[in-house]
Amino acid sequence: MPVPEARHRLSFRHAARAMFQNGVDLLCLVLFALAIGIAIYHWAAHLPWTDAFLNASMILGGMGPVDRLSTALAKWLAGLYALFSGLVFIVVAGRMIGPLLHAVLHHFHIEKTEGGH
C-alpha cells in the first residue's frame, strides 16, 4: 500500500503532466484566435500587419485595443472579437486550472456523495 504522501505527490505530478498536455493543445486555440484578430484588424480596420498583431494580442490578453478604429465594420468586428477573446480566456483558464483543482480535491479527499451532490 502506497504511503499517503507519495500518493499526493503522484496526484500533483499527474496534474502537472495534464496541465502541460492541455497547454500544448490550447496553444493551437490561442494561435487560431490570434490569427482571427489579426485578420480583422488588418482587413477591416486597414492596419498594417504589425499594428494588427499588436491590437489582436492586446485584446486577446485582456488589455484592450491600442489603435482607434474609424469604420463601423471594424468597430463591430473588433467588438465581436473582444467577446470571442473573453470566451477563449475562460476556456484556457479552466482547462489549465482544472487538473490542479482536481489534484487539490483529491489531496483533501473531497468526493461526491450519493446522488451526485
Protein backbone atom coordinates (compact mmCIF):
# COMPACT_ATOMS: atom_id res chain seq x y z
CA MET A 1 0.00 0.00 0.00
CA PRO A 2 1.50 3.36 -1.02
CA VAL A 3 2.29 5.94 1.58
CA PRO A 4 -0.31 8.75 1.54
CA GLU A 5 2.41 11.36 0.93
CA ALA A 6 3.60 9.51 -2.18
CA ARG A 7 0.03 9.22 -3.45
CA HIS A 8 -0.42 13.00 -3.15
CA ARG A 9 2.87 13.65 -4.93
CA LEU A 10 1.71 11.34 -7.70
CA SER A 11 -1.58 13.20 -7.90
CA PHE A 12 0.16 16.57 -8.26
CA ARG A 13 2.64 15.09 -10.75
CA HIS A 14 -0.31 13.85 -12.78
CA ALA A 15 -1.86 17.33 -12.57
CA ALA A 16 1.35 18.94 -13.82
CA ARG A 17 1.50 16.49 -16.73
CA ALA A 18 -2.16 17.15 -17.59
CA MET A 19 -1.61 20.91 -17.40
CA PHE A 20 1.34 20.65 -19.78
CA GLN A 21 -0.63 18.50 -22.23
CA ASN A 22 -3.58 20.90 -22.04
CA GLY A 23 -1.20 23.81 -22.57
CA VAL A 24 0.16 22.28 -25.75
CA ASP A 25 -3.36 21.66 -27.04
CA LEU A 26 -4.60 25.11 -26.04
CA LEU A 27 -1.70 26.80 -27.77
CA CYS A 28 -3.37 25.90 -31.08
CA LEU A 29 -6.61 27.54 -29.90
CA VAL A 30 -4.79 30.71 -28.86
CA LEU A 31 -2.88 30.91 -32.14
CA PHE A 32 -6.13 30.41 -34.09
CA ALA A 33 -7.85 33.15 -32.05
CA LEU A 34 -4.88 35.45 -32.58
CA ALA A 35 -4.97 34.82 -36.34
CA ILE A 36 -8.67 35.76 -36.43
CA GLY A 37 -7.95 39.00 -34.59
CA ILE A 38 -5.00 39.88 -36.81
CA ALA A 39 -7.15 39.32 -39.90
CA ILE A 40 -9.94 41.51 -38.50
CA TYR A 41 -7.62 44.37 -37.63
CA HIS A 42 -5.69 44.12 -40.90
CA TRP A 43 -8.55 43.82 -43.38
CA ALA A 44 -11.46 45.53 -41.60
CA ALA A 45 -9.53 48.28 -39.82
CA HIS A 46 -6.86 48.62 -42.56
CA LEU A 47 -3.99 48.46 -40.09
CA PRO A 48 -0.51 47.23 -41.06
CA TRP A 49 0.30 43.64 -40.05
CA THR A 50 2.41 44.68 -37.06
CA ASP A 51 -0.28 47.00 -35.70
CA ALA A 52 -2.94 44.35 -36.36
CA PHE A 53 -0.86 41.84 -34.39
CA LEU A 54 -0.41 44.31 -31.53
CA ASN A 55 -4.12 45.12 -31.29
CA ALA A 56 -5.21 41.48 -31.55
CA SER A 57 -2.66 40.44 -28.92
CA MET A 58 -3.75 43.17 -26.55
CA ILE A 59 -7.43 42.24 -26.91
CA LEU A 60 -6.71 38.52 -26.51
CA GLY A 61 -4.60 39.26 -23.44
CA GLY A 62 -7.38 41.34 -21.89
CA MET A 63 -5.54 44.67 -22.10
CA GLY A 64 -7.71 46.44 -24.66
CA PRO A 65 -7.09 47.87 -28.10
CA VAL A 66 -4.24 50.23 -28.94
CA ASP A 67 -5.39 51.96 -32.14
CA ARG A 68 -8.60 53.91 -32.68
CA LEU A 69 -10.93 52.34 -35.22
CA SER A 70 -12.58 54.56 -37.80
CA THR A 71 -15.14 52.42 -39.66
CA ALA A 72 -18.34 50.95 -38.28
CA LEU A 73 -17.49 47.49 -39.68
CA ALA A 74 -14.12 47.49 -37.93
CA LYS A 75 -15.75 48.50 -34.65
CA TRP A 76 -18.39 45.76 -34.89
CA LEU A 77 -15.84 43.08 -35.78
CA ALA A 78 -13.43 44.24 -33.08
CA GLY A 79 -16.26 44.13 -30.53
CA LEU A 80 -17.19 40.60 -31.57
CA TYR A 81 -13.53 39.62 -31.44
CA ALA A 82 -13.29 41.03 -27.91
CA LEU A 83 -16.27 38.90 -26.80
CA PHE A 84 -14.75 35.86 -28.51
CA SER A 85 -11.41 36.55 -26.82
CA GLY A 86 -13.11 36.61 -23.42
CA LEU A 87 -14.54 33.15 -24.08
CA VAL A 88 -11.14 31.89 -25.22
CA PHE A 89 -9.62 33.23 -22.00
CA ILE A 90 -12.23 31.41 -19.89
CA VAL A 91 -11.69 28.13 -21.77
CA VAL A 92 -7.90 28.36 -21.48
CA ALA A 93 -8.02 29.25 -17.78
CA GLY A 94 -10.48 26.48 -16.99
CA ARG A 95 -8.57 23.81 -18.88
CA MET A 96 -5.28 24.85 -17.28
CA ILE A 97 -6.54 25.15 -13.70
CA GLY A 98 -8.85 22.11 -13.85
CA PRO A 99 -6.19 19.42 -13.28
CA LEU A 100 -4.68 21.36 -10.38
CA LEU A 101 -8.09 21.82 -8.75
CA HIS A 102 -8.76 18.11 -9.25
CA ALA A 103 -5.47 17.24 -7.51
CA VAL A 104 -6.28 19.57 -4.59
CA LEU A 105 -9.69 17.95 -4.17
CA HIS A 106 -8.04 14.53 -4.14
CA HIS A 107 -5.47 15.77 -1.64
CA PHE A 108 -8.21 16.74 0.80
CA HIS A 109 -10.29 13.64 -0.05
CA ILE A 110 -13.28 15.65 -1.21
CA GLU A 111 -15.58 13.27 -3.02
CA LYS A 112 -19.10 13.26 -4.38
CA THR A 113 -21.81 11.91 -2.13
CA GLU A 114 -24.55 9.60 -3.35
CA GLY A 115 -26.82 11.29 -5.85
CA GLY A 116 -24.00 13.48 -7.19
CA HIS A 117 -24.36 16.26 -4.58
